[in-house]
Amino acid sequence: MTNNEERPFRVTILAVFVLSITVWNVIRAWSAIANWTTLQEFGAPAAYILVSGLVWGLAGAWLTYALWSGKGAAFSGGLIVAGLYAAWYWFDRLFIQPSPAPNLLFSLVVSGVLAAIFIGGLFWVKAFLRSKARFRS
């Protein structure tokens, strides 16, 4: 990206949001390694925590890079990653965790609002990519 094609602040905020979620998942993976025996002692699936943290860490790193550098795949990749992440969150919450917390309605509302904000942000990315393509031609 050259100086003539500056990234809009909204796109930067979206990339930082994705980076934050990515770091959270990398910390999750590292914590699984560091606390492996403790997790096993309490019956938590340490391998699942490690693998899912690594998978989401890698997906988030790719998406952060795509957003930050204005790659054409940022919009569609963002939609795919967001959909898969939301599906994974709810699958994990309802089927993997031994006893889901009783705040189901709160979690549903918050995840819906965050998904809507993120998808709205992806449309900023799409507009930025269109203007970037017009600038090049």
N, C-alpha and C. Protein backbone atom coordinates (compact mmCIF):
# COMPACT_ATOMS: atom_id res chain seq x y z
N MET A 1 0.86 -1.16 0.00
CA MET A 1 0.00 0.00 0.00
C MET A 1 0.91 1.23 0.00
N THR A 2 0.72 2.13 -0.94
CA THR A 2 1.52 3.34 -1.01
C THR A 2 0.87 4.44 -0.20
N ASN A 3 1.56 5.57 -0.07
CA ASN A 3 1.02 6.69 0.68
C ASN A 3 -0.25 7.25 0.04
N ASN A 4 -0.38 7.10 -1.29
CA ASN A 4 -1.57 7.60 -1.98
C ASN A 4 -2.81 6.78 -1.65
N GLU A 5 -2.63 5.60 -1.11
CA GLU A 5 -3.74 4.69 -0.84
C GLU A 5 -3.86 4.45 0.66
N GLU A 6 -3.97 5.50 1.45
CA GLU A 6 -4.02 5.33 2.89
C GLU A 6 -5.25 4.55 3.32
N ARG A 7 -5.04 3.70 4.31
CA ARG A 7 -6.11 2.89 4.87
C ARG A 7 -7.01 3.79 5.72
N PRO A 8 -8.32 3.73 5.52
CA PRO A 8 -9.23 4.52 6.37
C PRO A 8 -9.15 4.08 7.83
N PHE A 9 -9.40 5.01 8.73
CA PHE A 9 -9.34 4.74 10.16
C PHE A 9 -10.28 3.60 10.55
N ARG A 10 -11.46 3.53 9.95
CA ARG A 10 -12.42 2.47 10.27
C ARG A 10 -11.86 1.09 9.93
N VAL A 11 -11.15 0.99 8.82
CA VAL A 11 -10.55 -0.28 8.42
C VAL A 11 -9.42 -0.64 9.40
N THR A 12 -8.67 0.36 9.83
CA THR A 12 -7.62 0.13 10.83
C THR A 12 -8.21 -0.40 12.12
N ILE A 13 -9.31 0.21 12.57
CA ILE A 13 -9.98 -0.24 13.80
C ILE A 13 -10.43 -1.69 13.65
N LEU A 14 -10.99 -2.05 12.50
CA LEU A 14 -11.44 -3.43 12.26
C LEU A 14 -10.25 -4.39 12.32
N ALA A 15 -9.13 -4.01 11.70
CA ALA A 15 -7.94 -4.86 11.73
C ALA A 15 -7.42 -5.03 13.16
N VAL A 16 -7.45 -3.97 13.95
CA VAL A 16 -7.00 -4.06 15.35
C VAL A 16 -7.95 -4.94 16.15
N PHE A 17 -9.25 -4.86 15.87
CA PHE A 17 -10.22 -5.73 16.53
C PHE A 17 -9.91 -7.20 16.24
N VAL A 18 -9.66 -7.51 14.97
CA VAL A 18 -9.32 -8.89 14.58
C VAL A 18 -8.02 -9.30 15.23
N LEU A 19 -7.04 -8.41 15.27
CA LEU A 19 -5.77 -8.71 15.91
C LEU A 19 -5.96 -9.01 17.40
N SER A 20 -6.84 -8.29 18.06
CA SER A 20 -7.11 -8.53 19.48
C SER A 20 -7.68 -9.93 19.71
N ILE A 21 -8.64 -10.33 18.89
CA ILE A 21 -9.20 -11.68 18.99
C ILE A 21 -8.13 -12.73 18.68
N THR A 22 -7.26 -12.42 17.72
CA THR A 22 -6.17 -13.32 17.36
C THR A 22 -5.23 -13.52 18.53
N VAL A 23 -4.83 -12.43 19.16
CA VAL A 23 -3.92 -12.52 20.31
C VAL A 23 -4.59 -13.32 21.44
N TRP A 24 -5.87 -13.09 21.66
CA TRP A 24 -6.61 -13.84 22.68
C TRP A 24 -6.50 -15.35 22.42
N ASN A 25 -6.67 -15.76 21.17
CA ASN A 25 -6.61 -17.18 20.84
C ASN A 25 -5.19 -17.74 20.93
N VAL A 26 -4.19 -16.95 20.59
CA VAL A 26 -2.81 -17.41 20.74
C VAL A 26 -2.48 -17.57 22.23
N ILE A 27 -2.95 -16.65 23.06
CA ILE A 27 -2.76 -16.78 24.51
C ILE A 27 -3.46 -18.03 25.01
N ARG A 28 -4.65 -18.31 24.47
CA ARG A 28 -5.38 -19.53 24.84
C ARG A 28 -4.56 -20.77 24.52
N ALA A 29 -3.97 -20.80 23.33
CA ALA A 29 -3.15 -21.95 22.93
C ALA A 29 -1.92 -22.07 23.83
N TRP A 30 -1.26 -20.94 24.09
CA TRP A 30 -0.08 -20.97 24.95
C TRP A 30 -0.44 -21.40 26.37
N SER A 31 -1.57 -20.93 26.86
CA SER A 31 -2.01 -21.31 28.21
C SER A 31 -2.31 -22.80 28.29
N ALA A 32 -2.82 -23.37 27.21
CA ALA A 32 -3.08 -24.81 27.19
C ALA A 32 -1.77 -25.58 27.32
N ILE A 33 -0.73 -25.10 26.65
CA ILE A 33 0.57 -25.76 26.75
C ILE A 33 1.14 -25.59 28.16
N ALA A 34 1.09 -24.36 28.65
CA ALA A 34 1.69 -24.06 29.96
C ALA A 34 0.97 -24.76 31.11
N ASN A 35 -0.32 -24.99 30.96
CA ASN A 35 -1.13 -25.58 32.05
C ASN A 35 -1.70 -26.94 31.68
N TRP A 36 -1.00 -27.65 30.83
CA TRP A 36 -1.50 -28.93 30.31
C TRP A 36 -1.91 -29.89 31.41
N THR A 37 -1.04 -30.12 32.37
CA THR A 37 -1.35 -31.11 33.42
C THR A 37 -2.50 -30.64 34.31
N THR A 38 -2.56 -29.36 34.58
CA THR A 38 -3.67 -28.84 35.39
C THR A 38 -4.99 -29.02 34.66
N LEU A 39 -4.99 -28.72 33.37
CA LEU A 39 -6.22 -28.90 32.58
C LEU A 39 -6.65 -30.36 32.59
N GLN A 40 -5.70 -31.26 32.39
CA GLN A 40 -6.04 -32.68 32.39
C GLN A 40 -6.52 -33.13 33.77
N GLU A 41 -5.93 -32.59 34.80
CA GLU A 41 -6.32 -32.95 36.17
C GLU A 41 -7.79 -32.61 36.43
N PHE A 42 -8.25 -31.51 35.85
CA PHE A 42 -9.64 -31.09 36.05
C PHE A 42 -10.57 -31.58 34.93
N GLY A 43 -10.05 -32.39 34.03
CA GLY A 43 -10.88 -32.98 32.99
C GLY A 43 -11.17 -32.07 31.80
N ALA A 44 -10.42 -30.99 31.66
CA ALA A 44 -10.62 -30.09 30.52
C ALA A 44 -9.87 -30.65 29.31
N PRO A 45 -10.42 -30.48 28.11
CA PRO A 45 -9.78 -31.01 26.91
C PRO A 45 -8.61 -30.13 26.45
N ALA A 46 -7.43 -30.36 27.02
CA ALA A 46 -6.26 -29.52 26.75
C ALA A 46 -5.89 -29.51 25.27
N ALA A 47 -5.94 -30.67 24.61
CA ALA A 47 -5.58 -30.73 23.18
C ALA A 47 -6.56 -29.91 22.34
N TYR A 48 -7.84 -29.97 22.68
CA TYR A 48 -8.85 -29.19 21.97
C TYR A 48 -8.60 -27.70 22.14
N ILE A 49 -8.28 -27.26 23.36
CA ILE A 49 -8.01 -25.85 23.63
C ILE A 49 -6.78 -25.40 22.85
N LEU A 50 -5.75 -26.22 22.83
CA LEU A 50 -4.53 -25.91 22.10
C LEU A 50 -4.80 -25.79 20.59
N VAL A 51 -5.42 -26.81 20.02
CA VAL A 51 -5.65 -26.83 18.57
C VAL A 51 -6.59 -25.71 18.14
N SER A 52 -7.68 -25.52 18.86
CA SER A 52 -8.61 -24.46 18.46
C SER A 52 -7.96 -23.08 18.60
N GLY A 53 -7.15 -22.88 19.63
CA GLY A 53 -6.43 -21.62 19.77
C GLY A 53 -5.48 -21.37 18.63
N LEU A 54 -4.77 -22.42 18.21
CA LEU A 54 -3.83 -22.28 17.09
C LEU A 54 -4.57 -22.03 15.76
N VAL A 55 -5.64 -22.76 15.54
CA VAL A 55 -6.41 -22.58 14.30
C VAL A 55 -6.95 -21.16 14.20
N TRP A 56 -7.57 -20.67 15.27
CA TRP A 56 -8.12 -19.31 15.23
C TRP A 56 -7.04 -18.26 15.25
N GLY A 57 -5.90 -18.59 15.85
CA GLY A 57 -4.76 -17.67 15.80
C GLY A 57 -4.25 -17.50 14.38
N LEU A 58 -4.12 -18.61 13.66
CA LEU A 58 -3.66 -18.55 12.27
C LEU A 58 -4.68 -17.85 11.37
N ALA A 59 -5.96 -18.20 11.54
CA ALA A 59 -7.00 -17.56 10.73
C ALA A 59 -7.04 -16.06 11.01
N GLY A 60 -6.92 -15.68 12.26
CA GLY A 60 -6.94 -14.27 12.62
C GLY A 60 -5.72 -13.53 12.11
N ALA A 61 -4.56 -14.18 12.14
CA ALA A 61 -3.34 -13.54 11.62
C ALA A 61 -3.49 -13.27 10.13
N TRP A 62 -4.02 -14.25 9.40
CA TRP A 62 -4.23 -14.05 7.96
C TRP A 62 -5.22 -12.92 7.71
N LEU A 63 -6.33 -12.91 8.45
CA LEU A 63 -7.35 -11.88 8.24
C LEU A 63 -6.83 -10.50 8.63
N THR A 64 -6.07 -10.42 9.71
CA THR A 64 -5.47 -9.14 10.10
C THR A 64 -4.58 -8.62 8.98
N TYR A 65 -3.74 -9.50 8.44
CA TYR A 65 -2.86 -9.12 7.33
C TYR A 65 -3.66 -8.66 6.11
N ALA A 66 -4.71 -9.41 5.78
CA ALA A 66 -5.52 -9.06 4.60
C ALA A 66 -6.20 -7.70 4.79
N LEU A 67 -6.71 -7.44 5.99
CA LEU A 67 -7.35 -6.16 6.26
C LEU A 67 -6.33 -5.03 6.26
N TRP A 68 -5.22 -5.24 6.94
CA TRP A 68 -4.21 -4.19 7.10
C TRP A 68 -3.62 -3.79 5.75
N SER A 69 -3.39 -4.77 4.88
CA SER A 69 -2.75 -4.47 3.60
C SER A 69 -3.75 -4.23 2.48
N GLY A 70 -5.04 -4.33 2.78
CA GLY A 70 -6.05 -4.04 1.75
C GLY A 70 -6.12 -5.08 0.65
N LYS A 71 -5.93 -6.33 1.00
CA LYS A 71 -6.00 -7.41 0.01
C LYS A 71 -7.45 -7.60 -0.45
N GLY A 72 -7.62 -8.01 -1.69
CA GLY A 72 -8.94 -8.21 -2.26
C GLY A 72 -9.77 -9.26 -1.54
N ALA A 73 -9.11 -10.23 -0.94
CA ALA A 73 -9.82 -11.32 -0.25
C ALA A 73 -10.27 -10.93 1.15
N ALA A 74 -9.99 -9.72 1.59
CA ALA A 74 -10.31 -9.31 2.97
C ALA A 74 -11.81 -9.36 3.22
N PHE A 75 -12.61 -8.92 2.28
CA PHE A 75 -14.06 -8.89 2.50
C PHE A 75 -14.64 -10.29 2.57
N SER A 76 -14.43 -11.08 1.53
CA SER A 76 -15.01 -12.43 1.51
C SER A 76 -14.37 -13.31 2.59
N GLY A 77 -13.07 -13.19 2.78
CA GLY A 77 -12.40 -13.95 3.83
C GLY A 77 -12.91 -13.56 5.21
N GLY A 78 -13.16 -12.27 5.40
CA GLY A 78 -13.70 -11.81 6.67
C GLY A 78 -15.08 -12.37 6.95
N LEU A 79 -15.93 -12.41 5.92
CA LEU A 79 -17.26 -13.00 6.09
C LEU A 79 -17.17 -14.48 6.46
N ILE A 80 -16.28 -15.20 5.78
CA ILE A 80 -16.13 -16.63 6.03
C ILE A 80 -15.59 -16.88 7.43
N VAL A 81 -14.52 -16.17 7.79
CA VAL A 81 -13.91 -16.37 9.11
C VAL A 81 -14.89 -15.98 10.21
N ALA A 82 -15.61 -14.87 10.02
CA ALA A 82 -16.59 -14.44 11.04
C ALA A 82 -17.70 -15.48 11.21
N GLY A 83 -18.20 -16.01 10.11
CA GLY A 83 -19.25 -17.03 10.19
C GLY A 83 -18.77 -18.29 10.86
N LEU A 84 -17.57 -18.74 10.49
CA LEU A 84 -17.01 -19.94 11.11
C LEU A 84 -16.71 -19.72 12.59
N TYR A 85 -16.21 -18.54 12.93
CA TYR A 85 -15.89 -18.25 14.33
C TYR A 85 -17.16 -18.23 15.18
N ALA A 86 -18.21 -17.62 14.66
CA ALA A 86 -19.48 -17.58 15.40
C ALA A 86 -20.05 -18.99 15.57
N ALA A 87 -19.99 -19.78 14.50
CA ALA A 87 -20.48 -21.16 14.58
C ALA A 87 -19.66 -21.97 15.58
N TRP A 88 -18.33 -21.79 15.54
CA TRP A 88 -17.48 -22.49 16.49
C TRP A 88 -17.79 -22.07 17.92
N TYR A 89 -17.96 -20.76 18.15
CA TYR A 89 -18.25 -20.27 19.51
C TYR A 89 -19.50 -20.93 20.06
N TRP A 90 -20.56 -20.97 19.26
CA TRP A 90 -21.81 -21.55 19.76
C TRP A 90 -21.74 -23.07 19.88
N PHE A 91 -21.03 -23.73 18.97
CA PHE A 91 -20.84 -25.18 19.10
C PHE A 91 -20.06 -25.48 20.37
N ASP A 92 -18.99 -24.71 20.60
CA ASP A 92 -18.17 -24.90 21.79
C ASP A 92 -18.98 -24.65 23.05
N ARG A 93 -19.75 -23.59 23.04
CA ARG A 93 -20.54 -23.21 24.22
C ARG A 93 -21.63 -24.22 24.55
N LEU A 94 -22.29 -24.74 23.51
CA LEU A 94 -23.43 -25.61 23.75
C LEU A 94 -23.07 -27.10 23.86
N PHE A 95 -21.99 -27.52 23.17
CA PHE A 95 -21.71 -28.96 23.12
C PHE A 95 -20.38 -29.39 23.74
N ILE A 96 -19.39 -28.51 23.77
CA ILE A 96 -18.07 -28.90 24.30
C ILE A 96 -17.96 -28.60 25.79
N GLN A 97 -18.40 -27.42 26.19
CA GLN A 97 -18.31 -27.06 27.60
C GLN A 97 -19.24 -27.97 28.41
N PRO A 98 -18.76 -28.47 29.54
CA PRO A 98 -19.58 -29.41 30.32
C PRO A 98 -20.86 -28.78 30.87
N SER A 99 -20.81 -27.52 31.26
CA SER A 99 -22.02 -26.88 31.79
C SER A 99 -22.03 -25.42 31.36
N PRO A 100 -22.71 -25.10 30.27
CA PRO A 100 -22.73 -23.71 29.81
C PRO A 100 -23.27 -22.77 30.88
N ALA A 101 -22.72 -21.59 30.90
CA ALA A 101 -23.15 -20.58 31.88
C ALA A 101 -24.61 -20.23 31.64
N PRO A 102 -25.32 -19.79 32.69
CA PRO A 102 -26.75 -19.51 32.56
C PRO A 102 -27.08 -18.22 31.81
N ASN A 103 -26.09 -17.46 31.37
CA ASN A 103 -26.34 -16.19 30.72
C ASN A 103 -26.50 -16.34 29.20
N LEU A 104 -27.30 -17.27 28.78
CA LEU A 104 -27.48 -17.58 27.36
C LEU A 104 -28.01 -16.38 26.58
N LEU A 105 -29.02 -15.70 27.10
CA LEU A 105 -29.59 -14.56 26.38
C LEU A 105 -28.57 -13.45 26.21
N PHE A 106 -27.82 -13.15 27.26
CA PHE A 106 -26.79 -12.12 27.18
C PHE A 106 -25.75 -12.49 26.10
N SER A 107 -25.29 -13.74 26.11
CA SER A 107 -24.30 -14.18 25.12
C SER A 107 -24.85 -14.10 23.71
N LEU A 108 -26.10 -14.45 23.54
CA LEU A 108 -26.73 -14.39 22.22
C LEU A 108 -26.79 -12.95 21.72
N VAL A 109 -27.20 -12.03 22.58
CA VAL A 109 -27.29 -10.62 22.19
C VAL A 109 -25.91 -10.05 21.88
N VAL A 110 -24.93 -10.30 22.76
CA VAL A 110 -23.59 -9.75 22.55
C VAL A 110 -22.96 -10.32 21.28
N SER A 111 -23.07 -11.62 21.07
CA SER A 111 -22.47 -12.18 19.86
C SER A 111 -23.17 -11.68 18.60
N GLY A 112 -24.48 -11.46 18.66
CA GLY A 112 -25.20 -10.91 17.52
C GLY A 112 -24.79 -9.47 17.23
N VAL A 113 -24.66 -8.67 18.27
CA VAL A 113 -24.25 -7.27 18.09
C VAL A 113 -22.82 -7.20 17.56
N LEU A 114 -21.91 -7.99 18.12
CA LEU A 114 -20.53 -7.98 17.63
C LEU A 114 -20.44 -8.47 16.18
N ALA A 115 -21.22 -9.48 15.84
CA ALA A 115 -21.23 -9.95 14.45
C ALA A 115 -21.75 -8.86 13.51
N ALA A 116 -22.79 -8.17 13.91
CA ALA A 116 -23.35 -7.10 13.07
C ALA A 116 -22.34 -5.96 12.90
N ILE A 117 -21.66 -5.58 13.98
CA ILE A 117 -20.65 -4.53 13.89
C ILE A 117 -19.51 -4.96 12.99
N PHE A 118 -19.06 -6.20 13.14
CA PHE A 118 -17.95 -6.69 12.33
C PHE A 118 -18.34 -6.75 10.85
N ILE A 119 -19.52 -7.28 10.56
CA ILE A 119 -19.95 -7.37 9.16
C ILE A 119 -20.13 -5.97 8.57
N GLY A 120 -20.66 -5.04 9.38
CA GLY A 120 -20.74 -3.65 8.92
C GLY A 120 -19.35 -3.10 8.60
N GLY A 121 -18.39 -3.41 9.45
CA GLY A 121 -17.01 -2.99 9.21
C GLY A 121 -16.44 -3.59 7.94
N LEU A 122 -16.84 -4.81 7.63
CA LEU A 122 -16.36 -5.43 6.39
C LEU A 122 -16.89 -4.68 5.16
N PHE A 123 -18.05 -4.07 5.28
CA PHE A 123 -18.54 -3.27 4.16
C PHE A 123 -17.72 -1.99 4.00
N TRP A 124 -17.13 -1.46 5.08
CA TRP A 124 -16.19 -0.36 4.95
C TRP A 124 -14.96 -0.84 4.17
N VAL A 125 -14.53 -2.05 4.48
CA VAL A 125 -13.39 -2.63 3.77
C VAL A 125 -13.71 -2.77 2.29
N LYS A 126 -14.90 -3.27 2.01
CA LYS A 126 -15.31 -3.45 0.61
C LYS A 126 -15.30 -2.11 -0.14
N ALA A 127 -15.82 -1.06 0.50
CA ALA A 127 -15.82 0.27 -0.13
C ALA A 127 -14.39 0.75 -0.34
N PHE A 128 -13.52 0.51 0.64
CA PHE A 128 -12.12 0.89 0.51
C PHE A 128 -11.46 0.15 -0.64
N LEU A 129 -11.73 -1.14 -0.76
CA LEU A 129 -11.13 -1.93 -1.84
C LEU A 129 -11.62 -1.46 -3.20
N ARG A 130 -12.89 -1.09 -3.29
CA ARG A 130 -13.42 -0.56 -4.56
C ARG A 130 -12.72 0.74 -4.93
N SER A 131 -12.56 1.64 -3.96
CA SER A 131 -11.91 2.92 -4.26
C SER A 131 -10.44 2.70 -4.60
N LYS A 132 -9.83 1.73 -3.96
CA LYS A 132 -8.44 1.41 -4.24
C LYS A 132 -8.29 0.88 -5.67
N ALA A 133 -9.27 0.03 -6.09
CA ALA A 133 -9.24 -0.52 -7.45
C ALA A 133 -9.44 0.60 -8.48
N ARG A 134 -10.33 1.54 -8.18
CA ARG A 134 -10.56 2.66 -9.10
C ARG A 134 -9.34 3.55 -9.18
N PHE A 135 -8.64 3.69 -8.05
CA PHE A 135 -7.45 4.54 -8.01
C PHE A 135 -6.35 3.98 -8.91
N ARG A 136 -6.23 2.65 -8.94
CA ARG A 136 -5.22 1.99 -9.75
C ARG A 136 -5.51 2.06 -11.23
N SER A 137 -6.81 2.07 -11.63
CA SER A 137 -7.12 2.04 -13.06
C SER A 137 -7.14 3.39 -13.69
